Protein backbone atom coordinates (compact mmCIF):
# COMPACT_ATOMS: atom_id res chain seq x y z
CA MET A 1 -101.19 -173.08 121.00
CA THR A 2 -102.15 -170.67 118.18
CA SER A 3 -100.09 -167.61 117.04
CA SER A 4 -99.72 -165.42 114.03
CA ILE A 5 -96.25 -165.10 112.38
CA PRO A 6 -94.62 -162.00 111.46
CA GLN A 7 -96.19 -160.30 108.40
CA VAL A 8 -94.48 -158.27 105.66
CA ASP A 9 -95.94 -156.53 102.50
CA LEU A 10 -93.73 -157.26 99.36
CA ARG A 11 -94.91 -154.03 97.84
CA ASP A 12 -92.69 -152.15 100.30
CA PHE A 13 -89.75 -153.80 98.94
CA VAL A 14 -90.57 -153.37 95.23
CA SER A 15 -91.95 -149.87 95.62
CA GLY A 16 -88.83 -148.07 95.00
CA ASP A 17 -88.84 -146.21 98.44
CA ALA A 18 -85.54 -146.65 99.97
CA GLU A 19 -86.90 -146.37 103.52
CA LYS A 20 -89.69 -148.86 103.05
CA ARG A 21 -87.31 -151.30 101.34
CA GLN A 22 -84.73 -151.03 104.22
CA ALA A 23 -87.53 -151.67 106.77
CA PHE A 24 -88.86 -154.64 104.75
CA VAL A 25 -85.38 -156.17 104.61
CA LYS A 26 -84.91 -155.74 108.43
CA LYS A 27 -88.34 -157.19 109.23
CA LEU A 28 -87.88 -160.12 106.65
CA GLY A 29 -84.35 -160.85 107.93
CA ASP A 30 -85.24 -160.81 111.74
CA ALA A 31 -88.13 -163.00 111.03
CA PHE A 32 -86.21 -165.60 109.19
CA GLU A 33 -83.54 -165.65 111.95
CA ASP A 34 -86.09 -165.79 114.84
CA VAL A 35 -89.16 -167.78 113.57
CA GLY A 36 -88.02 -169.15 110.12
CA PHE A 37 -91.63 -168.25 108.89
CA VAL A 38 -93.37 -165.06 107.65
CA ALA A 39 -96.62 -164.22 106.29
CA VAL A 40 -96.39 -162.06 103.02
CA THR A 41 -98.93 -159.83 101.51
CA GLY A 42 -98.62 -157.63 98.31
CA HIS A 43 -97.02 -160.72 96.68
CA GLY A 44 -98.48 -160.23 93.21
CA ILE A 45 -100.21 -163.87 93.01
CA GLU A 46 -103.66 -162.94 91.82
CA ASP A 47 -106.55 -164.15 93.83
CA ASN A 48 -108.41 -165.45 90.69
CA LEU A 49 -105.31 -167.35 89.70
CA ILE A 50 -105.10 -169.20 93.18
CA ALA A 51 -108.95 -169.71 92.87
CA GLN A 52 -108.47 -171.44 89.42
CA LEU A 53 -105.48 -173.25 90.65
CA TYR A 54 -107.56 -174.89 93.45
CA ASN A 55 -110.29 -175.65 91.13
CA GLN A 56 -107.88 -177.40 88.79
CA ILE A 57 -106.23 -179.61 91.51
CA GLU A 58 -109.47 -180.52 93.16
CA THR A 59 -110.96 -181.69 89.87
CA PHE A 60 -107.76 -183.72 89.23
CA PHE A 61 -107.58 -185.31 92.65
CA SER A 62 -111.26 -186.40 92.44
CA MET A 63 -110.51 -188.62 89.26
CA PRO A 64 -110.31 -192.30 89.63
CA VAL A 65 -106.99 -193.73 91.13
CA GLU A 66 -106.21 -195.62 88.05
CA LYS A 67 -106.37 -192.42 85.99
CA LYS A 68 -104.00 -190.59 88.30
CA ARG A 69 -101.69 -193.52 88.50
CA ALA A 70 -101.28 -193.36 84.81
CA LEU A 71 -99.64 -190.10 85.35
CA GLU A 72 -97.03 -191.64 87.79
CA VAL A 73 -93.51 -191.89 86.45
CA PRO A 74 -91.51 -194.06 88.93
CA ASP A 75 -88.18 -193.22 87.60
CA LEU A 76 -88.58 -189.52 88.35
CA ALA A 77 -88.63 -189.93 92.28
CA GLY A 78 -91.84 -187.97 92.47
CA GLN A 79 -90.07 -184.85 90.73
CA ARG A 80 -92.64 -184.58 87.96
CA GLY A 81 -96.14 -185.94 87.82
CA TYR A 82 -98.29 -187.80 90.23
CA THR A 83 -97.33 -189.51 93.51
CA SER A 84 -99.59 -192.14 94.99
CA PHE A 85 -101.10 -191.81 98.60
CA GLY A 86 -98.59 -193.26 101.11
CA LYS A 87 -95.39 -192.94 99.19
CA GLU A 88 -93.62 -190.11 101.08
CA HIS A 89 -92.47 -190.08 104.55
CA ALA A 90 -90.49 -187.67 106.77
CA LYS A 91 -86.84 -188.50 106.97
CA GLN A 92 -86.85 -189.53 110.57
CA SER A 93 -89.97 -191.81 110.30
CA GLN A 94 -91.09 -194.69 108.26
CA ALA A 95 -94.86 -193.92 108.72
CA ALA A 96 -96.23 -192.66 105.22
CA ASP A 97 -97.72 -189.20 105.31
CA LEU A 98 -101.47 -189.20 104.55
CA LYS A 99 -101.34 -187.54 101.34
CA GLU A 100 -100.92 -187.89 97.40
CA PHE A 101 -99.55 -185.17 95.24
CA PHE A 102 -98.67 -183.91 91.87
CA GLN A 103 -95.38 -182.15 91.06
CA PHE A 104 -94.93 -179.47 88.15
CA GLY A 105 -91.33 -178.30 87.55
CA GLN A 106 -89.39 -175.88 85.51
CA THR A 107 -90.18 -175.25 81.84
CA VAL A 108 -86.98 -173.73 80.19
CA GLU A 109 -87.78 -171.28 77.63
CA ASP A 110 -84.31 -169.78 76.63
CA ASN A 111 -82.30 -172.87 75.66
CA ASP A 112 -80.27 -172.66 78.80
CA PRO A 113 -77.51 -175.46 78.56
CA ASP A 114 -77.38 -175.93 82.33
CA CYS A 115 -81.07 -177.33 82.26
CA ASP A 116 -80.60 -180.19 79.83
CA PHE A 117 -81.35 -182.74 82.53
CA TYR A 118 -84.69 -181.41 83.57
CA PRO A 119 -87.39 -183.85 82.81
CA SER A 120 -90.42 -182.91 80.86
CA ASN A 121 -93.67 -181.94 82.83
CA VAL A 122 -96.26 -184.76 82.73
CA THR A 123 -99.17 -183.63 80.47
CA VAL A 124 -102.53 -183.77 82.35
CA GLU A 125 -105.33 -183.96 79.74
CA GLU A 126 -108.28 -183.90 82.21
CA PRO A 127 -108.95 -181.21 83.52
CA ASN A 128 -107.76 -179.65 80.22
CA GLU A 129 -106.61 -176.43 81.85
CA PHE A 130 -104.42 -178.22 84.53
CA ASN A 131 -101.03 -177.72 82.85
CA PRO A 132 -101.64 -173.97 81.65
CA THR A 133 -102.82 -173.17 85.06
CA MET A 134 -99.80 -174.66 86.77
CA LEU A 135 -97.36 -172.95 84.50
CA LYS A 136 -98.96 -169.66 85.01
CA ALA A 137 -99.07 -170.09 88.82
CA TYR A 138 -95.37 -171.33 88.67
CA ARG A 139 -94.27 -168.18 87.06
CA ALA A 140 -96.14 -166.07 89.62
CA PHE A 141 -94.50 -167.86 92.56
CA GLU A 142 -91.24 -167.60 90.91
CA LYS A 143 -91.31 -163.96 90.49
CA ALA A 144 -92.47 -163.35 94.23
CA GLY A 145 -89.82 -165.81 95.46
CA ASN A 146 -87.01 -164.00 93.50
CA ALA A 147 -88.00 -160.86 94.93
CA LEU A 148 -88.01 -162.14 98.52
CA LEU A 149 -84.43 -163.68 97.83
CA GLU A 150 -83.16 -160.22 96.58
CA ALA A 151 -84.32 -158.96 100.13
CA ILE A 152 -82.55 -162.00 101.79
CA ALA A 153 -79.35 -161.25 99.87
CA ILE A 154 -79.31 -157.58 101.16
CA HIS A 155 -79.87 -158.74 104.75
CA LEU A 156 -76.93 -161.09 104.36
CA GLY A 157 -74.69 -158.25 103.04
CA LEU A 158 -74.61 -159.90 99.54
CA GLU A 159 -75.14 -158.26 96.16
CA GLU A 160 -79.07 -157.97 95.77
CA ASN A 161 -78.94 -160.01 92.59
CA TYR A 162 -76.74 -162.84 94.27
CA PHE A 163 -79.24 -165.62 93.97
CA ALA A 164 -80.37 -164.69 90.40
CA GLN A 165 -77.53 -166.62 88.71
CA TYR A 166 -78.62 -169.75 90.59
CA THR A 167 -82.43 -169.46 90.37
CA HIS A 168 -82.85 -168.35 86.77
CA ASN A 169 -84.19 -171.58 85.34
CA GLY A 170 -83.69 -173.23 88.66
CA ASN A 171 -84.94 -176.58 89.75
CA SER A 172 -88.05 -175.12 91.76
CA ILE A 173 -91.16 -177.30 92.06
CA LEU A 174 -94.90 -176.40 92.32
CA ARG A 175 -96.55 -179.15 94.50
CA ALA A 176 -100.37 -179.69 94.59
CA ILE A 177 -101.12 -181.94 97.63
CA HIS A 178 -104.43 -183.71 98.61
CA TYR A 179 -104.94 -185.04 102.01
CA PRO A 180 -107.93 -187.13 101.66
CA PRO A 181 -110.64 -187.55 104.18
CA ILE A 182 -109.63 -189.71 107.15
CA THR A 183 -111.86 -192.77 107.18
CA GLU A 184 -110.36 -194.84 109.98
CA GLU A 185 -108.04 -194.45 113.05
CA PRO A 186 -104.59 -193.61 111.50
CA GLU A 187 -101.78 -195.88 112.81
CA ASN A 188 -98.77 -193.57 113.89
CA ALA A 189 -99.47 -191.27 110.93
CA ILE A 190 -100.56 -187.73 110.29
CA ARG A 191 -101.22 -185.94 107.15
CA ALA A 192 -97.59 -184.69 107.15
CA GLU A 193 -95.02 -185.71 109.80
CA GLN A 194 -92.68 -183.03 111.31
CA HIS A 195 -90.02 -182.25 108.78
CA GLU A 196 -87.96 -179.31 107.32
CA ASP A 197 -88.05 -178.31 103.72
CA ILE A 198 -85.13 -179.10 101.61
CA ASN A 199 -84.97 -175.99 99.32
CA LEU A 200 -83.97 -172.31 99.55
CA ILE A 201 -87.50 -170.93 100.57
CA THR A 202 -90.99 -172.22 100.29
CA LEU A 203 -94.04 -170.12 99.33
CA LEU A 204 -97.43 -171.53 100.42
CA VAL A 205 -100.82 -170.11 99.36
CA GLY A 206 -103.41 -170.68 102.11
CA ALA A 207 -104.51 -174.35 102.45
CA SER A 208 -108.21 -175.36 102.24
CA ALA A 209 -108.14 -176.17 105.95
CA GLU A 210 -106.14 -175.76 108.95
CA GLY A 211 -103.55 -178.03 110.24
CA LEU A 212 -100.12 -176.48 109.67
CA GLU A 213 -98.03 -176.05 112.77
CA LEU A 214 -94.32 -175.00 113.47
CA LEU A 215 -92.01 -175.92 116.18
CA ASN A 216 -91.00 -172.72 118.14
CA LYS A 217 -87.72 -172.24 120.04
CA LYS A 218 -89.40 -173.30 123.18
CA GLU A 219 -90.07 -176.72 121.69
CA GLU A 220 -93.77 -176.00 121.50
CA TRP A 221 -96.01 -176.72 118.52
CA VAL A 222 -97.83 -173.54 117.39
CA ALA A 223 -100.64 -173.47 114.72
CA ILE A 224 -99.98 -171.02 111.89
CA THR A 225 -102.67 -168.55 111.22
CA THR A 226 -102.91 -166.47 108.27
CA GLN A 227 -105.31 -163.97 106.81
CA PRO A 228 -106.96 -163.96 103.50
CA GLY A 229 -104.57 -162.89 100.70
CA GLU A 230 -101.38 -163.89 102.57
CA ILE A 231 -98.86 -166.40 101.62
CA VAL A 232 -96.63 -168.23 104.06
CA VAL A 233 -92.90 -168.33 103.25
CA ASN A 234 -90.37 -170.21 105.28
CA VAL A 235 -86.68 -170.97 105.10
CA GLY A 236 -85.60 -174.17 103.64
CA ASP A 237 -82.53 -176.45 104.66
CA MET A 238 -80.48 -175.18 101.61
CA LEU A 239 -80.66 -171.53 102.84
CA GLN A 240 -79.95 -172.64 106.48
CA ARG A 241 -76.93 -174.45 105.23
CA LEU A 242 -75.80 -171.65 103.08
CA THR A 243 -76.04 -169.20 105.91
CA ASN A 244 -74.37 -171.53 108.55
CA ASN A 245 -77.65 -171.65 110.28
CA GLN A 246 -78.12 -167.85 110.75
CA LEU A 247 -81.40 -168.25 108.76
CA ARG A 248 -83.64 -170.95 110.37
CA SER A 249 -85.26 -173.81 108.62
CA THR A 250 -87.99 -174.37 111.20
CA THR A 251 -89.44 -177.72 111.78
CA HIS A 252 -93.17 -177.89 110.75
CA ARG A 253 -95.98 -180.52 110.23
CA VAL A 254 -99.60 -180.88 109.10
CA VAL A 255 -101.59 -182.42 111.95
CA ASN A 256 -104.86 -184.46 111.50
CA PRO A 257 -108.12 -182.54 112.02
CA PRO A 258 -110.36 -183.12 114.85
CA ARG A 259 -112.37 -186.27 114.46
CA GLU A 260 -115.65 -184.32 113.63
CA LYS A 261 -113.70 -182.97 110.67
CA TRP A 262 -112.22 -186.25 109.44
CA GLY A 263 -114.57 -186.26 106.50
CA SER A 264 -113.05 -183.04 105.05
CA PRO A 265 -110.23 -183.25 102.49
CA ARG A 266 -107.45 -180.81 102.71
CA TYR A 267 -105.74 -179.28 99.69
CA SER A 268 -102.31 -177.32 99.94
CA ILE A 269 -100.13 -175.82 97.14
CA PRO A 270 -96.44 -175.04 98.18
CA PHE A 271 -93.92 -173.68 95.70
CA PHE A 272 -90.44 -175.09 96.59
CA LEU A 273 -87.92 -172.62 95.24
CA HIS A 274 -84.69 -174.49 94.31
CA PRO A 275 -81.57 -173.21 92.62
CA LYS A 276 -79.94 -175.00 89.75
CA ALA A 277 -78.30 -178.20 90.74
CA THR A 278 -74.82 -176.83 90.30
CA MET A 279 -75.11 -174.10 92.90
CA LYS A 280 -72.58 -174.72 95.72
CA LEU A 281 -74.15 -174.63 99.20
CA ASP A 282 -70.85 -173.96 100.95
CA CYS A 283 -71.37 -171.70 103.98
CA LEU A 284 -70.84 -168.10 103.24
CA ASP A 285 -67.61 -166.72 104.79
CA SER A 286 -69.58 -163.86 106.35
CA CYS A 287 -71.75 -166.33 108.18
CA ILE A 288 -68.79 -168.22 109.84
CA THR A 289 -67.55 -166.55 113.01
CA GLU A 290 -66.14 -167.56 116.34
CA GLN A 291 -69.52 -167.66 117.86
CA ALA A 292 -70.88 -169.60 114.65
CA PRO A 293 -68.21 -171.89 113.61
CA LEU A 294 -68.46 -173.79 110.20
CA ALA A 295 -71.35 -176.20 110.69
CA TYR A 296 -71.63 -177.99 107.34
CA GLU A 297 -69.32 -179.69 104.71
CA PRO A 298 -69.50 -178.46 101.18
CA ILE A 299 -72.12 -179.94 98.76
CA THR A 300 -74.00 -178.86 95.68
CA ALA A 301 -77.71 -178.26 95.51
CA GLY A 302 -78.18 -181.25 93.38
CA ASP A 303 -76.45 -183.54 95.47
CA TYR A 304 -78.15 -182.41 98.56
CA LEU A 305 -81.55 -182.91 96.74
CA ASN A 306 -80.76 -186.43 95.90
CA GLU A 307 -79.50 -187.02 99.35
CA ARG A 308 -82.71 -185.87 100.92
CA LEU A 309 -85.10 -187.51 98.28
CA ARG A 310 -83.56 -190.86 99.28
CA GLU A 311 -84.00 -190.15 103.02
CA ILE A 312 -87.89 -189.32 102.53
CA GLY A 313 -88.34 -192.42 100.35
CA LEU A 314 -88.77 -191.11 97.01
CA LYS A 315 -85.57 -192.18 95.43
CA LYS A 316 -83.77 -195.49 95.86
């Protein structure tokens, strides 16, 4: 089954027009409560930057395996640098996803003491524009994501800047994923098994091939279709937890292509917007009602992230 997801234009929110802002907040909030996914236009991430980003990651992943593995740092649980093919799996599955990836994290530029624990990003020397391009894209995603969180805060009846204290120098991750061509019948594995994202929200620029599907309320898998210039944004488990399930962290997956397309690789670049580790994910009082009793115990974002990294096989 194929279906488009709700679409919003971020320019309506940042325009300064009160009526357009109000309409944007309602449409975004309704989409995140009902579907958990939305397509965003007017996000400010330039087409030429996205093209440059894909060019850099395709060049990187085409390098010999031994060169890539030299950029793998086992002690960092995949949070920086390269992670080899077959290392990550969904929390409910032991079958490894058919992918390899590279993660680029926060670069603190204002001596924020809360961020002393962040590891340095791994330097990629070939291609030589890899790190500068990743940083530029990281900042563009961060800006768009923070604007979306402002709209979410308004929808939840919070101060517009509620999330800023937690996401400024937050622990967000830009992940470049390569799903190699499939060369033989996979054993109980797909490119990315069904899962929910860990973070507050995820921003995803259009992948190089189809395959992304979400599980709707009828327990049906629906292929996500987007138009050029759109990014897909979805709710993560941290935001679902914070809102006591008011906003939906929807299960999704990346399926294998039809056999005739096995020879084609797939590239994907999600931006996982995380807060600082110290943010408390205690359910908001306003989201706890008689109809929606408290669903989660208190936990910090850092502790929750570590818990989930162990579940998906990246951390011991």
